[in-house]
Amino acid sequence: MVKGRQATYRLWVETEIHTERESLPGNIRQRIKRALDDLGKDPCPTASKILDTSDLKLPHGIEIRRLRMENWRILYAVHEDEGWVWALGIYRRPPYAYENLEKLISKLQ
């Protein structure tokens, strides 16, 4: 979906992410903070991956991605045409298996 890149993107971060981040180990907490800040400049870094949402009802133009940081995943949505990134959650994997993806996507509608 990525076309011409914008200079910056509006970045929204779910409240739960701030709470979750506080409970993380210090080195991971700082890396995740930096990664979230960087998503406003580049929402599709090389370490990110598009999630398969073909079986979910997703609003037009939105792409769901994950950014892996060791055993942690940042899940977020990107709308290139509207120029925004929405950080949806931080999860430890394993055991996290994207089982709440449909619920997270419902926040976007």
PDB file of N, CA and C in Angstrom:
ATOM      1  N   MET A   1       0.811  -1.188   0.000  1.00  0.00           N
ATOM      2  CA  MET A   1       0.000   0.000   0.000  1.00  0.00           C
ATOM      3  C   MET A   1       0.854   1.252   0.000  1.00  0.00           C
ATOM      4  N   VAL A   2       2.080   1.179   0.449  1.00  0.00           N
ATOM      5  CA  VAL A   2       2.903   2.366   0.607  1.00  0.00           C
ATOM      6  C   VAL A   2       3.192   3.002  -0.744  1.00  0.00           C
ATOM      7  N   LYS A   3       2.795   4.245  -0.866  1.00  0.00           N
ATOM      8  CA  LYS A   3       3.016   5.001  -2.099  1.00  0.00           C
ATOM      9  C   LYS A   3       4.122   6.006  -1.806  1.00  0.00           C
ATOM     10  N   GLY A   4       3.893   7.245  -2.174  1.00  0.00           N
ATOM     11  CA  GLY A   4       4.857   8.291  -1.847  1.00  0.00           C
ATOM     12  C   GLY A   4       4.822   8.583  -0.362  1.00  0.00           C
ATOM     13  N   ARG A   5       5.953   8.665   0.261  1.00  0.00           N
ATOM     14  CA  ARG A   5       6.030   8.908   1.698  1.00  0.00           C
ATOM     15  C   ARG A   5       5.816  10.387   2.020  1.00  0.00           C
ATOM     16  N   GLN A   6       5.133  10.623   3.127  1.00  0.00           N
ATOM     17  CA  GLN A   6       4.957  11.969   3.636  1.00  0.00           C
ATOM     18  C   GLN A   6       6.140  12.287   4.536  1.00  0.00           C
ATOM     19  N   ALA A   7       6.289  13.566   4.861  1.00  0.00           N
ATOM     20  CA  ALA A   7       7.386  13.976   5.746  1.00  0.00           C
ATOM     21  C   ALA A   7       7.146  13.472   7.166  1.00  0.00           C
ATOM     22  N   THR A   8       5.936  13.657   7.671  1.00  0.00           N
ATOM     23  CA  THR A   8       5.588  13.153   8.997  1.00  0.00           C
ATOM     24  C   THR A   8       4.145  12.664   8.975  1.00  0.00           C
ATOM     25  N   TYR A   9       3.825  11.825   9.936  1.00  0.00           N
ATOM     26  CA  TYR A   9       2.495  11.266  10.076  1.00  0.00           C
ATOM     27  C   TYR A   9       1.953  11.662  11.440  1.00  0.00           C
ATOM     28  N   ARG A  10       0.652  11.852  11.519  1.00  0.00           N
ATOM     29  CA  ARG A  10       0.030  12.052  12.836  1.00  0.00           C
ATOM     30  C   ARG A  10       0.097  10.712  13.546  1.00  0.00           C
ATOM     31  N   LEU A  11       0.507  10.746  14.786  1.00  0.00           N
ATOM     32  CA  LEU A  11       0.672   9.517  15.561  1.00  0.00           C
ATOM     33  C   LEU A  11      -0.272   9.533  16.749  1.00  0.00           C
ATOM     34  N   TRP A  12      -1.121   8.506  16.825  1.00  0.00           N
ATOM     35  CA  TRP A  12      -1.989   8.318  17.972  1.00  0.00           C
ATOM     36  C   TRP A  12      -1.534   7.062  18.695  1.00  0.00           C
ATOM     37  N   VAL A  13      -1.523   7.145  20.019  1.00  0.00           N
ATOM     38  CA  VAL A  13      -1.106   6.004  20.841  1.00  0.00           C
ATOM     39  C   VAL A  13      -2.219   5.718  21.837  1.00  0.00           C
ATOM     40  N   GLU A  14      -2.714   4.485  21.809  1.00  0.00           N
ATOM     41  CA  GLU A  14      -3.759   4.080  22.752  1.00  0.00           C
ATOM     42  C   GLU A  14      -3.259   4.242  24.186  1.00  0.00           C
ATOM     43  N   THR A  15      -4.152   4.651  25.073  1.00  0.00           N
ATOM     44  CA  THR A  15      -3.825   4.867  26.486  1.00  0.00           C
ATOM     45  C   THR A  15      -3.216   3.625  27.117  1.00  0.00           C
ATOM     46  N   GLU A  16      -3.711   2.445  26.738  1.00  0.00           N
ATOM     47  CA  GLU A  16      -3.214   1.194  27.311  1.00  0.00           C
ATOM     48  C   GLU A  16      -1.720   0.997  27.044  1.00  0.00           C
ATOM     49  N   ILE A  17      -1.247   1.532  25.942  1.00  0.00           N
ATOM     50  CA  ILE A  17       0.175   1.385  25.610  1.00  0.00           C
ATOM     51  C   ILE A  17       1.034   2.105  26.636  1.00  0.00           C
ATOM     52  N   HIS A  18       0.620   3.293  27.042  1.00  0.00           N
ATOM     53  CA  HIS A  18       1.393   4.031  28.047  1.00  0.00           C
ATOM     54  C   HIS A  18       1.450   3.258  29.358  1.00  0.00           C
ATOM     55  N   THR A  19       0.335   2.673  29.745  1.00  0.00           N
ATOM     56  CA  THR A  19       0.282   1.874  30.973  1.00  0.00           C
ATOM     57  C   THR A  19       1.157   0.633  30.855  1.00  0.00           C
ATOM     58  N   GLU A  20       1.012  -0.087  29.747  1.00  0.00           N
ATOM     59  CA  GLU A  20       1.794  -1.310  29.517  1.00  0.00           C
ATOM     60  C   GLU A  20       3.293  -1.010  29.474  1.00  0.00           C
ATOM     61  N   ARG A  21       3.654   0.075  28.832  1.00  0.00           N
ATOM     62  CA  ARG A  21       5.070   0.420  28.672  1.00  0.00           C
ATOM     63  C   ARG A  21       5.747   0.638  30.026  1.00  0.00           C
ATOM     64  N   GLU A  22       5.010   1.194  30.976  1.00  0.00           N
ATOM     65  CA  GLU A  22       5.580   1.442  32.303  1.00  0.00           C
ATOM     66  C   GLU A  22       5.981   0.154  33.022  1.00  0.00           C
ATOM     67  N   SER A  23       5.339  -0.963  32.677  1.00  0.00           N
ATOM     68  CA  SER A  23       5.641  -2.226  33.363  1.00  0.00           C
ATOM     69  C   SER A  23       6.748  -3.026  32.671  1.00  0.00           C
ATOM     70  N   LEU A  24       7.266  -2.523  31.569  1.00  0.00           N
ATOM     71  CA  LEU A  24       8.295  -3.245  30.819  1.00  0.00           C
ATOM     72  C   LEU A  24       9.675  -3.038  31.428  1.00  0.00           C
ATOM     73  N   PRO A  25      10.616  -3.954  31.157  1.00  0.00           N
ATOM     74  CA  PRO A  25      11.999  -3.748  31.591  1.00  0.00           C
ATOM     75  C   PRO A  25      12.541  -2.450  30.986  1.00  0.00           C
ATOM     76  N   GLY A  26      13.420  -1.778  31.705  1.00  0.00           N
ATOM     77  CA  GLY A  26      13.934  -0.460  31.314  1.00  0.00           C
ATOM     78  C   GLY A  26      14.462  -0.365  29.897  1.00  0.00           C
ATOM     79  N   ASN A  27      15.273  -1.334  29.468  1.00  0.00           N
ATOM     80  CA  ASN A  27      15.858  -1.240  28.131  1.00  0.00           C
ATOM     81  C   ASN A  27      14.792  -1.376  27.046  1.00  0.00           C
ATOM     82  N   ILE A  28      13.818  -2.242  27.256  1.00  0.00           N
ATOM     83  CA  ILE A  28      12.732  -2.432  26.295  1.00  0.00           C
ATOM     84  C   ILE A  28      11.817  -1.210  26.305  1.00  0.00           C
ATOM     85  N   ARG A  29      11.551  -0.679  27.497  1.00  0.00           N
ATOM     86  CA  ARG A  29      10.686   0.498  27.632  1.00  0.00           C
ATOM     87  C   ARG A  29      11.220   1.652  26.791  1.00  0.00           C
ATOM     88  N   GLN A  30      12.511   1.894  26.867  1.00  0.00           N
ATOM     89  CA  GLN A  30      13.122   2.985  26.103  1.00  0.00           C
ATOM     90  C   GLN A  30      13.114   2.704  24.601  1.00  0.00           C
ATOM     91  N   ARG A  31      13.391   1.463  24.223  1.00  0.00           N
ATOM     92  CA  ARG A  31      13.384   1.107  22.798  1.00  0.00           C
ATOM     93  C   ARG A  31      11.989   1.247  22.204  1.00  0.00           C
ATOM     94  N   ILE A  32      10.982   0.860  22.970  1.00  0.00           N
ATOM     95  CA  ILE A  32       9.613   0.976  22.479  1.00  0.00           C
ATOM     96  C   ILE A  32       9.204   2.440  22.372  1.00  0.00           C
ATOM     97  N   LYS A  33       9.607   3.245  23.321  1.00  0.00           N
ATOM     98  CA  LYS A  33       9.303   4.682  23.234  1.00  0.00           C
ATOM     99  C   LYS A  33       9.921   5.278  21.969  1.00  0.00           C
ATOM    100  N   ARG A  34      11.177   4.949  21.713  1.00  0.00           N
ATOM    101  CA  ARG A  34      11.839   5.446  20.498  1.00  0.00           C
ATOM    102  C   ARG A  34      11.149   4.931  19.240  1.00  0.00           C
ATOM    103  N   ALA A  35      10.787   3.652  19.249  1.00  0.00           N
ATOM    104  CA  ALA A  35      10.130   3.061  18.079  1.00  0.00           C
ATOM    105  C   ALA A  35       8.790   3.741  17.815  1.00  0.00           C
ATOM    106  N   LEU A  36       8.025   4.012  18.869  1.00  0.00           N
ATOM    107  CA  LEU A  36       6.750   4.702  18.692  1.00  0.00           C
ATOM    108  C   LEU A  36       6.971   6.099  18.106  1.00  0.00           C
ATOM    109  N   ASP A  37       7.935   6.817  18.633  1.00  0.00           N
ATOM    110  CA  ASP A  37       8.247   8.148  18.098  1.00  0.00           C
ATOM    111  C   ASP A  37       8.651   8.069  16.629  1.00  0.00           C
ATOM    112  N   ASP A  38       9.439   7.058  16.293  1.00  0.00           N
ATOM    113  CA  ASP A  38       9.917   6.898  14.913  1.00  0.00           C
ATOM    114  C   ASP A  38       8.802   6.533  13.936  1.00  0.00           C
ATOM    115  N   LEU A  39       7.741   5.890  14.425  1.00  0.00           N
ATOM    116  CA  LEU A  39       6.640   5.535  13.541  1.00  0.00           C
ATOM    117  C   LEU A  39       5.974   6.773  12.945  1.00  0.00           C
ATOM    118  N   GLY A  40       6.071   7.896  13.635  1.00  0.00           N
ATOM    119  CA  GLY A  40       5.539   9.146  13.101  1.00  0.00           C
ATOM    120  C   GLY A  40       6.337   9.672  11.930  1.00  0.00           C
ATOM    121  N   LYS A  41       7.566   9.208  11.803  1.00  0.00           N
ATOM    122  CA  LYS A  41       8.415   9.618  10.678  1.00  0.00           C
ATOM    123  C   LYS A  41       8.433   8.570   9.577  1.00  0.00           C
ATOM    124  N   ASP A  42       8.433   7.305   9.981  1.00  0.00           N
ATOM    125  CA  ASP A  42       8.461   6.200   9.020  1.00  0.00           C
ATOM    126  C   ASP A  42       7.584   5.068   9.551  1.00  0.00           C
ATOM    127  N   PRO A  43       6.336   4.986   9.086  1.00  0.00           N
ATOM    128  CA  PRO A  43       5.437   3.966   9.625  1.00  0.00           C
ATOM    129  C   PRO A  43       5.704   2.554   9.105  1.00  0.00           C
ATOM    130  N   CYS A  44       6.609   2.419   8.178  1.00  0.00           N
ATOM    131  CA  CYS A  44       6.894   1.098   7.603  1.00  0.00           C
ATOM    132  C   CYS A  44       8.393   0.791   7.638  1.00  0.00           C
ATOM    133  N   PRO A  45       8.996   0.773   8.840  1.00  0.00           N
ATOM    134  CA  PRO A  45      10.421   0.460   8.894  1.00  0.00           C
ATOM    135  C   PRO A  45      10.679  -0.967   8.413  1.00  0.00           C
ATOM    136  N   THR A  46      11.905  -1.249   8.055  1.00  0.00           N
ATOM    137  CA  THR A  46      12.230  -2.572   7.504  1.00  0.00           C
ATOM    138  C   THR A  46      11.956  -3.698   8.502  1.00  0.00           C
ATOM    139  N   ALA A  47      11.990  -3.407   9.788  1.00  0.00           N
ATOM    140  CA  ALA A  47      11.727  -4.441  10.799  1.00  0.00           C
ATOM    141  C   ALA A  47      10.234  -4.696  11.000  1.00  0.00           C
ATOM    142  N   SER A  48       9.377  -3.939  10.332  1.00  0.00           N
ATOM    143  CA  SER A  48       7.935  -4.135  10.492  1.00  0.00           C
ATOM    144  C   SER A  48       7.415  -5.113   9.449  1.00  0.00           C
ATOM    145  N   LYS A  49       6.225  -5.631   9.725  1.00  0.00           N
ATOM    146  CA  LYS A  49       5.621  -6.610   8.831  1.00  0.00           C
ATOM    147  C   LYS A  49       4.121  -6.330   8.739  1.00  0.00           C
ATOM    148  N   ILE A  50       3.568  -6.471   7.531  1.00  0.00           N
ATOM    149  CA  ILE A  50       2.134  -6.325   7.336  1.00  0.00           C
ATOM    150  C   ILE A  50       1.461  -7.604   7.835  1.00  0.00           C
ATOM    151  N   LEU A  51       0.416  -7.450   8.635  1.00  0.00           N
ATOM    152  CA  LEU A  51      -0.322  -8.614   9.111  1.00  0.00           C
ATOM    153  C   LEU A  51      -1.416  -8.971   8.111  1.00  0.00           C
ATOM    154  N   ASP A  52      -1.684 -10.252   7.998  1.00  0.00           N
ATOM    155  CA  ASP A  52      -2.744 -10.716   7.110  1.00  0.00           C
ATOM    156  C   ASP A  52      -4.089 -10.456   7.779  1.00  0.00           C
ATOM    157  N   THR A  53      -4.832  -9.516   7.228  1.00  0.00           N
ATOM    158  CA  THR A  53      -6.143  -9.166   7.764  1.00  0.00           C
ATOM    159  C   THR A  53      -7.243  -9.462   6.744  1.00  0.00           C
ATOM    160  N   SER A  54      -6.951 -10.346   5.807  1.00  0.00           N
ATOM    161  CA  SER A  54      -7.901 -10.635   4.732  1.00  0.00           C
ATOM    162  C   SER A  54      -9.221 -11.212   5.243  1.00  0.00           C
ATOM    163  N   ASP A  55      -9.207 -11.838   6.412  1.00  0.00           N
ATOM    164  CA  ASP A  55     -10.441 -12.406   6.956  1.00  0.00           C
ATOM    165  C   ASP A  55     -11.162 -11.452   7.910  1.00  0.00           C
ATOM    166  N   LEU A  56     -10.649 -10.224   8.034  1.00  0.00           N
ATOM    167  CA  LEU A  56     -11.255  -9.234   8.916  1.00  0.00           C
ATOM    168  C   LEU A  56     -11.799  -8.063   8.100  1.00  0.00           C
ATOM    169  N   LYS A  57     -12.818  -7.429   8.636  1.00  0.00           N
ATOM    170  CA  LYS A  57     -13.393  -6.261   7.967  1.00  0.00           C
ATOM    171  C   LYS A  57     -12.601  -5.027   8.400  1.00  0.00           C
ATOM    172  N   LEU A  58     -11.808  -4.535   7.481  1.00  0.00           N
ATOM    173  CA  LEU A  58     -10.910  -3.416   7.754  1.00  0.00           C
ATOM    174  C   LEU A  58     -11.363  -2.209   6.945  1.00  0.00           C
ATOM    175  N   PRO A  59     -11.421  -1.031   7.561  1.00  0.00           N
ATOM    176  CA  PRO A  59     -11.779   0.155   6.779  1.00  0.00           C
ATOM    177  C   PRO A  59     -10.821   0.332   5.602  1.00  0.00           C
ATOM    178  N   HIS A  60     -11.344   0.868   4.502  1.00  0.00           N
ATOM    179  CA  HIS A  60     -10.560   1.050   3.284  1.00  0.00           C
ATOM    180  C   HIS A  60      -9.318   1.915   3.536  1.00  0.00           C
ATOM    181  N   GLY A  61      -8.205   1.492   2.985  1.00  0.00           N
ATOM    182  CA  GLY A  61      -6.972   2.272   3.047  1.00  0.00           C
ATOM    183  C   GLY A  61      -6.120   2.050   4.279  1.00  0.00           C
ATOM    184  N   ILE A  62      -6.559   1.190   5.186  1.00  0.00           N
ATOM    185  CA  ILE A  62      -5.813   0.962   6.426  1.00  0.00           C
ATOM    186  C   ILE A  62      -5.043  -0.349   6.332  1.00  0.00           C
ATOM    187  N   GLU A  63      -3.820  -0.293   6.794  1.00  0.00           N
ATOM    188  CA  GLU A  63      -2.934  -1.455   6.814  1.00  0.00           C
ATOM    189  C   GLU A  63      -2.552  -1.708   8.270  1.00  0.00           C
ATOM    190  N   ILE A  64      -2.645  -2.953   8.721  1.00  0.00           N
ATOM    191  CA  ILE A  64      -2.247  -3.317  10.083  1.00  0.00           C
ATOM    192  C   ILE A  64      -0.849  -3.914  10.013  1.00  0.00           C
ATOM    193  N   ARG A  65       0.025  -3.398  10.848  1.00  0.00           N
ATOM    194  CA  ARG A  65       1.421  -3.837  10.851  1.00  0.00           C
ATOM    195  C   ARG A  65       1.834  -4.205  12.269  1.00  0.00           C
ATOM    196  N   ARG A  66       2.940  -4.918  12.354  1.00  0.00           N
ATOM    197  CA  ARG A  66       3.553  -5.180  13.654  1.00  0.00           C
ATOM    198  C   ARG A  66       5.038  -4.894  13.542  1.00  0.00           C
ATOM    199  N   LEU A  67       5.575  -4.394  14.624  1.00  0.00           N
ATOM    200  CA  LEU A  67       7.004  -4.128  14.719  1.00  0.00           C
ATOM    201  C   LEU A  67       7.545  -5.019  15.827  1.00  0.00           C
ATOM    202  N   ARG A  68       8.489  -5.850  15.492  1.00  0.00           N
ATOM    203  CA  ARG A  68       9.049  -6.812  16.443  1.00  0.00           C
ATOM    204  C   ARG A  68      10.258  -6.207  17.139  1.00  0.00           C
ATOM    205  N   MET A  69      10.285  -6.366  18.470  1.00  0.00           N
ATOM    206  CA  MET A  69      11.421  -5.946  19.284  1.00  0.00           C
ATOM    207  C   MET A  69      11.671  -7.057  20.294  1.00  0.00           C
ATOM    208  N   GLU A  70      12.629  -7.924  19.966  1.00  0.00           N
ATOM    209  CA  GLU A  70      12.898  -9.124  20.756  1.00  0.00           C
ATOM    210  C   GLU A  70      11.605  -9.918  20.905  1.00  0.00           C
ATOM    211  N   ASN A  71      11.135 -10.148  22.136  1.00  0.00           N
ATOM    212  CA  ASN A  71       9.903 -10.911  22.348  1.00  0.00           C
ATOM    213  C   ASN A  71       8.657 -10.026  22.375  1.00  0.00           C
ATOM    214  N   TRP A  72       8.800  -8.763  22.085  1.00  0.00           N
ATOM    215  CA  TRP A  72       7.693  -7.822  22.152  1.00  0.00           C
ATOM    216  C   TRP A  72       7.242  -7.436  20.749  1.00  0.00           C
ATOM    217  N   ARG A  73       5.940  -7.125  20.625  1.00  0.00           N
ATOM    218  CA  ARG A  73       5.367  -6.685  19.365  1.00  0.00           C
ATOM    219  C   ARG A  73       4.577  -5.411  19.591  1.00  0.00           C
ATOM    220  N   ILE A  74       4.802  -4.443  18.725  1.00  0.00           N
ATOM    221  CA  ILE A  74       3.965  -3.245  18.690  1.00  0.00           C
ATOM    222  C   ILE A  74       3.016  -3.445  17.520  1.00  0.00           C
ATOM    223  N   LEU A  75       1.717  -3.435  17.788  1.00  0.00           N
ATOM    224  CA  LEU A  75       0.721  -3.539  16.723  1.00  0.00           C
ATOM    225  C   LEU A  75       0.215  -2.136  16.431  1.00  0.00           C
ATOM    226  N   TYR A  76       0.109  -1.823  15.141  1.00  0.00           N
ATOM    227  CA  TYR A  76      -0.339  -0.486  14.781  1.00  0.00           C
ATOM    228  C   TYR A  76      -0.988  -0.486  13.407  1.00  0.00           C
ATOM    229  N   ALA A  77      -1.760   0.566  13.169  1.00  0.00           N
ATOM    230  CA  ALA A  77      -2.454   0.738  11.894  1.00  0.00           C
ATOM    231  C   ALA A  77      -1.853   1.946  11.189  1.00  0.00           C
ATOM    232  N   VAL A  78      -1.825   1.865   9.858  1.00  0.00           N
ATOM    233  CA  VAL A  78      -1.304   2.962   9.036  1.00  0.00           C
ATOM    234  C   VAL A  78      -2.349   3.291   7.980  1.00  0.00           C
ATOM    235  N   HIS A  79      -2.609   4.569   7.825  1.00  0.00           N
ATOM    236  CA  HIS A  79      -3.444   5.041   6.713  1.00  0.00           C
ATOM    237  C   HIS A  79      -2.583   6.033   5.943  1.00  0.00           C
ATOM    238  N   GLU A  80      -1.960   5.538   4.889  1.00  0.00           N
ATOM    239  CA  GLU A  80      -1.017   6.325   4.102  1.00  0.00           C
ATOM    240  C   GLU A  80      -1.686   7.559   3.488  1.00  0.00           C
ATOM    241  N   ASP A  81      -2.859   7.380   2.901  1.00  0.00           N
ATOM    242  CA  ASP A  81      -3.526   8.492   2.219  1.00  0.00           C
ATOM    243  C   ASP A  81      -3.901   9.625   3.169  1.00  0.00           C
ATOM    244  N   GLU A  82      -4.323   9.277   4.383  1.00  0.00           N
ATOM    245  CA  GLU A  82      -4.700  10.290   5.361  1.00  0.00           C
ATOM    246  C   GLU A  82      -3.523  10.719   6.239  1.00  0.00           C
ATOM    247  N   GLY A  83      -2.413  10.004   6.150  1.00  0.00           N
ATOM    248  CA  GLY A  83      -1.195  10.403   6.851  1.00  0.00           C
ATOM    249  C   GLY A  83      -1.211  10.205   8.350  1.00  0.00           C
ATOM    250  N   TRP A  84      -1.736   9.068   8.803  1.00  0.00           N
ATOM    251  CA  TRP A  84      -1.701   8.807  10.237  1.00  0.00           C
ATOM    252  C   TRP A  84      -1.242   7.393  10.565  1.00  0.00           C
ATOM    253  N   VAL A  85      -0.762   7.265  11.811  1.00  0.00           N
ATOM    254  CA  VAL A  85      -0.360   5.981  12.387  1.00  0.00           C
ATOM    255  C   VAL A  85      -1.053   5.897  13.741  1.00  0.00           C
ATOM    256  N   TRP A  86      -1.640   4.740  14.023  1.00  0.00           N
ATOM    257  CA  TRP A  86      -2.361   4.545  15.274  1.00  0.00           C
ATOM    258  C   TRP A  86      -1.776   3.326  15.968  1.00  0.00           C
ATOM    259  N   ALA A  87      -1.032   3.546  17.047  1.00  0.00           N
ATOM    260  CA  ALA A  87      -0.453   2.442  17.821  1.00  0.00           C
ATOM    261  C   ALA A  87      -1.563   1.813  18.665  1.00  0.00           C
ATOM    262  N   LEU A  88      -1.802   0.524  18.447  1.00  0.00           N
ATOM    263  CA  LEU A  88      -2.935  -0.168  19.060  1.00  0.00           C
ATOM    264  C   LEU A  88      -2.578  -0.962  20.313  1.00  0.00           C
ATOM    265  N   GLY A  89      -1.356  -1.485  20.393  1.00  0.00           N
ATOM    266  CA  GLY A  89      -1.005  -2.288  21.554  1.00  0.00           C
ATOM    267  C   GLY A  89       0.431  -2.767  21.542  1.00  0.00           C
ATOM    268  N   ILE A  90       0.895  -3.152  22.725  1.00  0.00           N
ATOM    269  CA  ILE A  90       2.213  -3.763  22.910  1.00  0.00           C
ATOM    270  C   ILE A  90       1.958  -5.119  23.554  1.00  0.00           C
ATOM    271  N   TYR A  91       2.533  -6.160  22.965  1.00  0.00           N
ATOM    272  CA  TYR A  91       2.279  -7.511  23.450  1.00  0.00           C
ATOM    273  C   TYR A  91       3.561  -8.329  23.492  1.00  0.00           C
ATOM    274  N   ARG A  92       3.605  -9.218  24.464  1.00  0.00           N
ATOM    275  CA  ARG A  92       4.735 -10.147  24.570  1.00  0.00           C
ATOM    276  C   ARG A  92       4.394 -11.413  23.784  1.00  0.00           C
ATOM    277  N   ARG A  93       5.333 -11.854  23.005  1.00  0.00           N
ATOM    278  CA  ARG A  93       5.141 -13.074  22.219  1.00  0.00           C
ATOM    279  C   ARG A  93       6.322 -13.992  22.454  1.00  0.00           C
ATOM    280  N   PRO A  94       6.140 -15.259  22.742  1.00  0.00           N
ATOM    281  CA  PRO A  94       4.872 -15.881  23.070  1.00  0.00           C
ATOM    282  C   PRO A  94       4.401 -15.430  24.445  1.00  0.00           C
ATOM    283  N   PRO A  95       3.191 -15.571  24.800  1.00  0.00           N
ATOM    284  CA  PRO A  95       2.133 -16.382  24.244  1.00  0.00           C
ATOM    285  C   PRO A  95       1.231 -15.631  23.269  1.00  0.00           C
ATOM    286  N   TYR A  96       1.394 -14.328  23.098  1.00  0.00           N
ATOM    287  CA  TYR A  96       0.455 -13.558  22.272  1.00  0.00           C
ATOM    288  C   TYR A  96       0.401 -14.100  20.845  1.00  0.00           C
ATOM    289  N   ALA A  97      -0.821 -14.308  20.333  1.00  0.00           N
ATOM    290  CA  ALA A  97      -1.000 -14.885  19.004  1.00  0.00           C
ATOM    291  C   ALA A  97      -2.015 -14.078  18.179  1.00  0.00           C
ATOM    292  N   TYR A  98      -2.092 -12.767  18.443  1.00  0.00           N
ATOM    293  CA  TYR A  98      -2.956 -11.865  17.667  1.00  0.00           C
ATOM    294  C   TYR A  98      -4.433 -12.225  17.781  1.00  0.00           C
ATOM    295  N   GLU A  99      -4.817 -12.853  18.879  1.00  0.00           N
ATOM    296  CA  GLU A  99      -6.208 -13.270  19.041  1.00  0.00           C
ATOM    297  C   GLU A  99      -7.172 -12.099  19.234  1.00  0.00           C
ATOM    298  N   ASN A 100      -6.695 -10.938  19.631  1.00  0.00           N
ATOM    299  CA  ASN A 100      -7.573  -9.785  19.837  1.00  0.00           C
ATOM    300  C   ASN A 100      -7.516  -8.796  18.669  1.00  0.00           C
ATOM    301  N   LEU A 101      -7.002  -9.222  17.544  1.00  0.00           N
ATOM    302  CA  LEU A 101      -6.844  -8.334  16.399  1.00  0.00           C
ATOM    303  C   LEU A 101      -8.173  -7.736  15.941  1.00  0.00           C
ATOM    304  N   GLU A 102      -9.209  -8.529  15.921  1.00  0.00           N
ATOM    305  CA  GLU A 102     -10.519  -8.026  15.496  1.00  0.00           C
ATOM    306  C   GLU A 102     -11.005  -6.922  16.435  1.00  0.00           C
ATOM    307  N   LYS A 103     -10.806  -7.103  17.727  1.00  0.00           N
ATOM    308  CA  LYS A 103     -11.208  -6.084  18.707  1.00  0.00           C
ATOM    309  C   LYS A 103     -10.394  -4.809  18.516  1.00  0.00           C
ATOM    310  N   LEU A 104      -9.096  -4.952  18.276  1.00  0.00           N
ATOM    311  CA  LEU A 104      -8.254  -3.781  18.068  1.00  0.00           C
ATOM    312  C   LEU A 104      -8.684  -3.014  16.812  1.00  0.00           C
ATOM    313  N   ILE A 105      -8.985  -3.751  15.764  1.00  0.00           N
ATOM    314  CA  ILE A 105      -9.401  -3.123  14.511  1.00  0.00           C
ATOM    315  C   ILE A 105     -10.728  -2.382  14.681  1.00  0.00           C
ATOM    316  N   SER A 106     -11.587  -2.864  15.557  1.00  0.00           N
ATOM    317  CA  SER A 106     -12.878  -2.196  15.769  1.00  0.00           C
ATOM    318  C   SER A 106     -12.697  -0.771  16.293  1.00  0.00           C
ATOM    319  N   LYS A 107     -11.571  -0.475  16.925  1.00  0.00           N
ATOM    320  CA  LYS A 107     -11.293   0.878  17.407  1.00  0.00           C
ATOM    321  C   LYS A 107     -11.108   1.854  16.245  1.00  0.00           C
ATOM    322  N   LEU A 108     -10.769   1.334  15.082  1.00  0.00           N
ATOM    323  CA  LEU A 108     -10.479   2.182  13.931  1.00  0.00           C
ATOM    324  C   LEU A 108     -11.741   2.611  13.183  1.00  0.00           C
ATOM    325  N   GLN A 109     -12.868   2.006  13.504  1.00  0.00           N
ATOM    326  CA  GLN A 109     -14.092   2.289  12.736  1.00  0.00           C
ATOM    327  C   GLN A 109     -14.945   3.342  13.368  1.00  0.00           C
TER     328      GLN A 109
END
